[in-house]
Amino acid sequence: MDLEPQDDWILDDELGIRLPPKPPRPGENECCGTGCNPCVMQLYQMRLRTWKKQVKQLKADAGVG
């Protein structure tokens, strides 16, 4: 996975590397509760998994945490 830092990435001062921002959790009123496919919560979970993989790869590439 080749990840190039983007303008919205945040510097993690502790690790000394820039990381993508964590995807925002949908608000309480964003899920209608009628079983949409895909549901906004399912989309959030997919984005969160992708974000976690990206952060893990970036840390490994930088030799940290």
PDB file of N, CA and C in Angstrom:
ATOM      1  N   MET A   1       0.846  -1.173   0.000  1.00  0.00           N
ATOM      2  CA  MET A   1       0.000   0.000   0.000  1.00  0.00           C
ATOM      3  C   MET A   1       0.888   1.231   0.000  1.00  0.00           C
ATOM      4  N   ASP A   2       0.794   2.026  -1.049  1.00  0.00           N
ATOM      5  CA  ASP A   2       1.607   3.234  -1.163  1.00  0.00           C
ATOM      6  C   ASP A   2       0.740   4.429  -0.813  1.00  0.00           C
ATOM      7  N   LEU A   3       1.001   5.035   0.341  1.00  0.00           N
ATOM      8  CA  LEU A   3       0.198   6.145   0.813  1.00  0.00           C
ATOM      9  C   LEU A   3       1.007   7.425   0.808  1.00  0.00           C
ATOM     10  N   GLU A   4       0.522   8.402   0.088  1.00  0.00           N
ATOM     11  CA  GLU A   4       1.160   9.718   0.054  1.00  0.00           C
ATOM     12  C   GLU A   4       0.389  10.647   0.980  1.00  0.00           C
ATOM     13  N   PRO A   5       1.072  11.353   1.875  1.00  0.00           N
ATOM     14  CA  PRO A   5       0.372  12.272   2.783  1.00  0.00           C
ATOM     15  C   PRO A   5      -0.472  13.295   2.016  1.00  0.00           C
ATOM     16  N   GLN A   6      -1.643  13.545   2.540  1.00  0.00           N
ATOM     17  CA  GLN A   6      -2.562  14.523   1.961  1.00  0.00           C
ATOM     18  C   GLN A   6      -2.587  15.776   2.838  1.00  0.00           C
ATOM     19  N   ASP A   7      -3.151  16.845   2.299  1.00  0.00           N
ATOM     20  CA  ASP A   7      -3.196  18.116   3.026  1.00  0.00           C
ATOM     21  C   ASP A   7      -3.942  18.025   4.353  1.00  0.00           C
ATOM     22  N   ASP A   8      -4.936  17.141   4.431  1.00  0.00           N
ATOM     23  CA  ASP A   8      -5.737  17.062   5.653  1.00  0.00           C
ATOM     24  C   ASP A   8      -5.158  16.095   6.699  1.00  0.00           C
ATOM     25  N   TRP A   9      -4.022  15.485   6.396  1.00  0.00           N
ATOM     26  CA  TRP A   9      -3.408  14.568   7.361  1.00  0.00           C
ATOM     27  C   TRP A   9      -2.862  15.356   8.548  1.00  0.00           C
ATOM     28  N   ILE A  10      -2.897  14.720   9.700  1.00  0.00           N
ATOM     29  CA  ILE A  10      -2.529  15.368  10.954  1.00  0.00           C
ATOM     30  C   ILE A  10      -1.201  14.806  11.464  1.00  0.00           C
ATOM     31  N   LEU A  11      -0.333  15.711  11.913  1.00  0.00           N
ATOM     32  CA  LEU A  11       0.946  15.281  12.473  1.00  0.00           C
ATOM     33  C   LEU A  11       0.725  14.695  13.856  1.00  0.00           C
ATOM     34  N   ASP A  12       1.154  13.463  14.033  1.00  0.00           N
ATOM     35  CA  ASP A  12       1.128  12.837  15.355  1.00  0.00           C
ATOM     36  C   ASP A  12       2.458  13.178  16.009  1.00  0.00           C
ATOM     37  N   ASP A  13       2.431  14.132  16.923  1.00  0.00           N
ATOM     38  CA  ASP A  13       3.661  14.609  17.554  1.00  0.00           C
ATOM     39  C   ASP A  13       4.410  13.500  18.280  1.00  0.00           C
ATOM     40  N   GLU A  14       3.680  12.573  18.871  1.00  0.00           N
ATOM     41  CA  GLU A  14       4.306  11.492  19.622  1.00  0.00           C
ATOM     42  C   GLU A  14       5.084  10.549  18.704  1.00  0.00           C
ATOM     43  N   LEU A  15       4.494  10.249  17.537  1.00  0.00           N
ATOM     44  CA  LEU A  15       5.137   9.333  16.603  1.00  0.00           C
ATOM     45  C   LEU A  15       6.031  10.052  15.588  1.00  0.00           C
ATOM     46  N   GLY A  16       5.780  11.337  15.391  1.00  0.00           N
ATOM     47  CA  GLY A  16       6.574  12.098  14.429  1.00  0.00           C
ATOM     48  C   GLY A  16       6.223  11.830  12.982  1.00  0.00           C
ATOM     49  N   ILE A  17       5.006  11.344  12.734  1.00  0.00           N
ATOM     50  CA  ILE A  17       4.562  11.095  11.360  1.00  0.00           C
ATOM     51  C   ILE A  17       3.173  11.692  11.162  1.00  0.00           C
ATOM     52  N   ARG A  18       2.849  11.953   9.897  1.00  0.00           N
ATOM     53  CA  ARG A  18       1.517  12.456   9.560  1.00  0.00           C
ATOM     54  C   ARG A  18       0.599  11.282   9.273  1.00  0.00           C
ATOM     55  N   LEU A  19      -0.617  11.362   9.823  1.00  0.00           N
ATOM     56  CA  LEU A  19      -1.594  10.296   9.665  1.00  0.00           C
ATOM     57  C   LEU A  19      -2.901  10.865   9.123  1.00  0.00           C
ATOM     58  N   PRO A  20      -3.645  10.027   8.381  1.00  0.00           N
ATOM     59  CA  PRO A  20      -4.938  10.499   7.891  1.00  0.00           C
ATOM     60  C   PRO A  20      -5.898  10.680   9.069  1.00  0.00           C
ATOM     61  N   PRO A  21      -6.840  11.616   8.953  1.00  0.00           N
ATOM     62  CA  PRO A  21      -7.794  11.802  10.037  1.00  0.00           C
ATOM     63  C   PRO A  21      -8.739  10.602  10.148  1.00  0.00           C
ATOM     64  N   LYS A  22      -9.117  10.288  11.367  1.00  0.00           N
ATOM     65  CA  LYS A  22     -10.061   9.197  11.599  1.00  0.00           C
ATOM     66  C   LYS A  22     -11.408   9.594  11.003  1.00  0.00           C
ATOM     67  N   PRO A  23     -12.064   8.656  10.320  1.00  0.00           N
ATOM     68  CA  PRO A  23     -13.360   9.011   9.732  1.00  0.00           C
ATOM     69  C   PRO A  23     -14.368   9.360  10.835  1.00  0.00           C
ATOM     70  N   PRO A  24     -15.161  10.385  10.601  1.00  0.00           N
ATOM     71  CA  PRO A  24     -16.131  10.778  11.625  1.00  0.00           C
ATOM     72  C   PRO A  24     -17.278   9.770  11.724  1.00  0.00           C
ATOM     73  N   ARG A  25     -17.684   9.497  12.947  1.00  0.00           N
ATOM     74  CA  ARG A  25     -18.815   8.595  13.174  1.00  0.00           C
ATOM     75  C   ARG A  25     -20.096   9.333  12.774  1.00  0.00           C
ATOM     76  N   PRO A  26     -21.001   8.655  12.076  1.00  0.00           N
ATOM     77  CA  PRO A  26     -22.265   9.308  11.716  1.00  0.00           C
ATOM     78  C   PRO A  26     -23.022   9.757  12.961  1.00  0.00           C
ATOM     79  N   GLY A  27     -23.713  10.863  12.834  1.00  0.00           N
ATOM     80  CA  GLY A  27     -24.512  11.367  13.934  1.00  0.00           C
ATOM     81  C   GLY A  27     -25.733  10.496  14.182  1.00  0.00           C
ATOM     82  N   GLU A  28     -26.327  10.657  15.351  1.00  0.00           N
ATOM     83  CA  GLU A  28     -27.503   9.872  15.720  1.00  0.00           C
ATOM     84  C   GLU A  28     -28.627   9.993  14.686  1.00  0.00           C
ATOM     85  N   ASN A  29     -28.767  11.166  14.094  1.00  0.00           N
ATOM     86  CA  ASN A  29     -29.864  11.396  13.161  1.00  0.00           C
ATOM     87  C   ASN A  29     -29.535  10.998  11.722  1.00  0.00           C
ATOM     88  N   GLU A  30     -28.340  10.481  11.475  1.00  0.00           N
ATOM     89  CA  GLU A  30     -27.952  10.131  10.116  1.00  0.00           C
ATOM     90  C   GLU A  30     -28.403   8.731   9.714  1.00  0.00           C
ATOM     91  N   CYS A  31     -28.691   7.882  10.677  1.00  0.00           N
ATOM     92  CA  CYS A  31     -29.202   6.546  10.387  1.00  0.00           C
ATOM     93  C   CYS A  31     -30.715   6.590  10.561  1.00  0.00           C
ATOM     94  N   CYS A  32     -31.437   6.223   9.505  1.00  0.00           N
ATOM     95  CA  CYS A  32     -32.900   6.300   9.561  1.00  0.00           C
ATOM     96  C   CYS A  32     -33.527   5.076  10.232  1.00  0.00           C
ATOM     97  N   GLY A  33     -32.725   3.999  10.392  1.00  0.00           N
ATOM     98  CA  GLY A  33     -33.218   2.815  11.077  1.00  0.00           C
ATOM     99  C   GLY A  33     -34.151   1.946  10.252  1.00  0.00           C
ATOM    100  N   THR A  34     -34.185   2.163   8.928  1.00  0.00           N
ATOM    101  CA  THR A  34     -35.092   1.375   8.095  1.00  0.00           C
ATOM    102  C   THR A  34     -34.397   0.258   7.326  1.00  0.00           C
ATOM    103  N   GLY A  35     -33.136  -0.002   7.640  1.00  0.00           N
ATOM    104  CA  GLY A  35     -32.427  -1.102   6.999  1.00  0.00           C
ATOM    105  C   GLY A  35     -31.874  -0.800   5.623  1.00  0.00           C
ATOM    106  N   CYS A  36     -31.484   0.433   5.389  1.00  0.00           N
ATOM    107  CA  CYS A  36     -30.883   0.799   4.099  1.00  0.00           C
ATOM    108  C   CYS A  36     -29.692  -0.112   3.812  1.00  0.00           C
ATOM    109  N   ASN A  37     -29.460  -0.342   2.525  1.00  0.00           N
ATOM    110  CA  ASN A  37     -28.326  -1.163   2.133  1.00  0.00           C
ATOM    111  C   ASN A  37     -27.524  -0.408   1.084  1.00  0.00           C
ATOM    112  N   PRO A  38     -26.365   0.109   1.430  1.00  0.00           N
ATOM    113  CA  PRO A  38     -25.714  -0.010   2.737  1.00  0.00           C
ATOM    114  C   PRO A  38     -26.190   1.085   3.690  1.00  0.00           C
ATOM    115  N   CYS A  39     -26.169   0.755   4.930  1.00  0.00           N
ATOM    116  CA  CYS A  39     -26.512   1.705   5.992  1.00  0.00           C
ATOM    117  C   CYS A  39     -25.312   2.636   6.221  1.00  0.00           C
ATOM    118  N   VAL A  40     -25.580   3.859   6.662  1.00  0.00           N
ATOM    119  CA  VAL A  40     -24.474   4.783   6.929  1.00  0.00           C
ATOM    120  C   VAL A  40     -23.519   4.202   7.972  1.00  0.00           C
ATOM    121  N   MET A  41     -24.035   3.383   8.878  1.00  0.00           N
ATOM    122  CA  MET A  41     -23.173   2.766   9.887  1.00  0.00           C
ATOM    123  C   MET A  41     -22.272   1.702   9.255  1.00  0.00           C
ATOM    124  N   GLN A  42     -22.785   0.981   8.263  1.00  0.00           N
ATOM    125  CA  GLN A  42     -21.955   0.004   7.547  1.00  0.00           C
ATOM    126  C   GLN A  42     -20.849   0.720   6.769  1.00  0.00           C
ATOM    127  N   LEU A  43     -21.201   1.826   6.134  1.00  0.00           N
ATOM    128  CA  LEU A  43     -20.194   2.604   5.401  1.00  0.00           C
ATOM    129  C   LEU A  43     -19.130   3.134   6.350  1.00  0.00           C
ATOM    130  N   TYR A  44     -19.564   3.595   7.520  1.00  0.00           N
ATOM    131  CA  TYR A  44     -18.612   4.080   8.525  1.00  0.00           C
ATOM    132  C   TYR A  44     -17.672   2.954   8.955  1.00  0.00           C
ATOM    133  N   GLN A  45     -18.204   1.770   9.216  1.00  0.00           N
ATOM    134  CA  GLN A  45     -17.374   0.645   9.632  1.00  0.00           C
ATOM    135  C   GLN A  45     -16.357   0.280   8.559  1.00  0.00           C
ATOM    136  N   MET A  46     -16.757   0.334   7.293  1.00  0.00           N
ATOM    137  CA  MET A  46     -15.824   0.052   6.197  1.00  0.00           C
ATOM    138  C   MET A  46     -14.724   1.106   6.146  1.00  0.00           C
ATOM    139  N   ARG A  47     -15.111   2.372   6.283  1.00  0.00           N
ATOM    140  CA  ARG A  47     -14.113   3.456   6.272  1.00  0.00           C
ATOM    141  C   ARG A  47     -13.172   3.353   7.465  1.00  0.00           C
ATOM    142  N   LEU A  48     -13.711   2.964   8.610  1.00  0.00           N
ATOM    143  CA  LEU A  48     -12.895   2.821   9.811  1.00  0.00           C
ATOM    144  C   LEU A  48     -11.879   1.691   9.651  1.00  0.00           C
ATOM    145  N   ARG A  49     -12.307   0.564   9.088  1.00  0.00           N
ATOM    146  CA  ARG A  49     -11.373  -0.551   8.846  1.00  0.00           C
ATOM    147  C   ARG A  49     -10.261  -0.114   7.891  1.00  0.00           C
ATOM    148  N   THR A  50     -10.632   0.595   6.819  1.00  0.00           N
ATOM    149  CA  THR A  50      -9.632   1.086   5.862  1.00  0.00           C
ATOM    150  C   THR A  50      -8.665   2.034   6.548  1.00  0.00           C
ATOM    151  N   TRP A  51      -9.185   2.948   7.360  1.00  0.00           N
ATOM    152  CA  TRP A  51      -8.344   3.902   8.090  1.00  0.00           C
ATOM    153  C   TRP A  51      -7.359   3.168   9.008  1.00  0.00           C
ATOM    154  N   LYS A  52      -7.854   2.176   9.745  1.00  0.00           N
ATOM    155  CA  LYS A  52      -6.983   1.421  10.660  1.00  0.00           C
ATOM    156  C   LYS A  52      -5.861   0.717   9.895  1.00  0.00           C
ATOM    157  N   LYS A  53      -6.189   0.150   8.731  1.00  0.00           N
ATOM    158  CA  LYS A  53      -5.162  -0.504   7.908  1.00  0.00           C
ATOM    159  C   LYS A  53      -4.133   0.510   7.428  1.00  0.00           C
ATOM    160  N   GLN A  54      -4.611   1.683   7.004  1.00  0.00           N
ATOM    161  CA  GLN A  54      -3.696   2.726   6.531  1.00  0.00           C
ATOM    162  C   GLN A  54      -2.752   3.168   7.646  1.00  0.00           C
ATOM    163  N   VAL A  55      -3.304   3.420   8.832  1.00  0.00           N
ATOM    164  CA  VAL A  55      -2.485   3.867   9.964  1.00  0.00           C
ATOM    165  C   VAL A  55      -1.464   2.792  10.335  1.00  0.00           C
ATOM    166  N   LYS A  56      -1.902   1.549  10.352  1.00  0.00           N
ATOM    167  CA  LYS A  56      -0.985   0.444  10.676  1.00  0.00           C
ATOM    168  C   LYS A  56       0.162   0.388   9.667  1.00  0.00           C
ATOM    169  N   GLN A  57      -0.169   0.542   8.380  1.00  0.00           N
ATOM    170  CA  GLN A  57       0.860   0.483   7.333  1.00  0.00           C
ATOM    171  C   GLN A  57       1.810   1.669   7.439  1.00  0.00           C
ATOM    172  N   LEU A  58       1.261   2.859   7.676  1.00  0.00           N
ATOM    173  CA  LEU A  58       2.109   4.044   7.798  1.00  0.00           C
ATOM    174  C   LEU A  58       3.052   3.929   8.991  1.00  0.00           C
ATOM    175  N   LYS A  59       2.565   3.413  10.093  1.00  0.00           N
ATOM    176  CA  LYS A  59       3.422   3.216  11.276  1.00  0.00           C
ATOM    177  C   LYS A  59       4.512   2.199  10.972  1.00  0.00           C
ATOM    178  N   ALA A  60       4.150   1.123  10.310  1.00  0.00           N
ATOM    179  CA  ALA A  60       5.144   0.099   9.966  1.00  0.00           C
ATOM    180  C   ALA A  60       6.191   0.664   9.015  1.00  0.00           C
ATOM    181  N   ASP A  61       5.748   1.437   8.030  1.00  0.00           N
ATOM    182  CA  ASP A  61       6.684   2.051   7.068  1.00  0.00           C
ATOM    183  C   ASP A  61       7.649   3.008   7.758  1.00  0.00           C
ATOM    184  N   ALA A  62       7.156   3.674   8.818  1.00  0.00           N
ATOM    185  CA  ALA A  62       7.982   4.635   9.549  1.00  0.00           C
ATOM    186  C   ALA A  62       8.787   3.959  10.655  1.00  0.00           C
ATOM    187  N   GLY A  63       8.511   2.668  10.890  1.00  0.00           N
ATOM    188  CA  GLY A  63       9.247   1.942  11.933  1.00  0.00           C
ATOM    189  C   GLY A  63       8.844   2.344  13.344  1.00  0.00           C
ATOM    190  N   VAL A  64       7.571   2.717  13.506  1.00  0.00           N
ATOM    191  CA  VAL A  64       7.065   3.091  14.828  1.00  0.00           C
ATOM    192  C   VAL A  64       5.807   2.299  15.164  1.00  0.00           C
ATOM    193  N   GLY A  65       5.485   2.287  16.466  1.00  0.00           N
ATOM    194  CA  GLY A  65       4.317   1.735  17.072  1.00  0.00           C
ATOM    195  C   GLY A  65       3.580   0.655  16.475  1.00  0.00           C
TER     196      GLY A  65
END
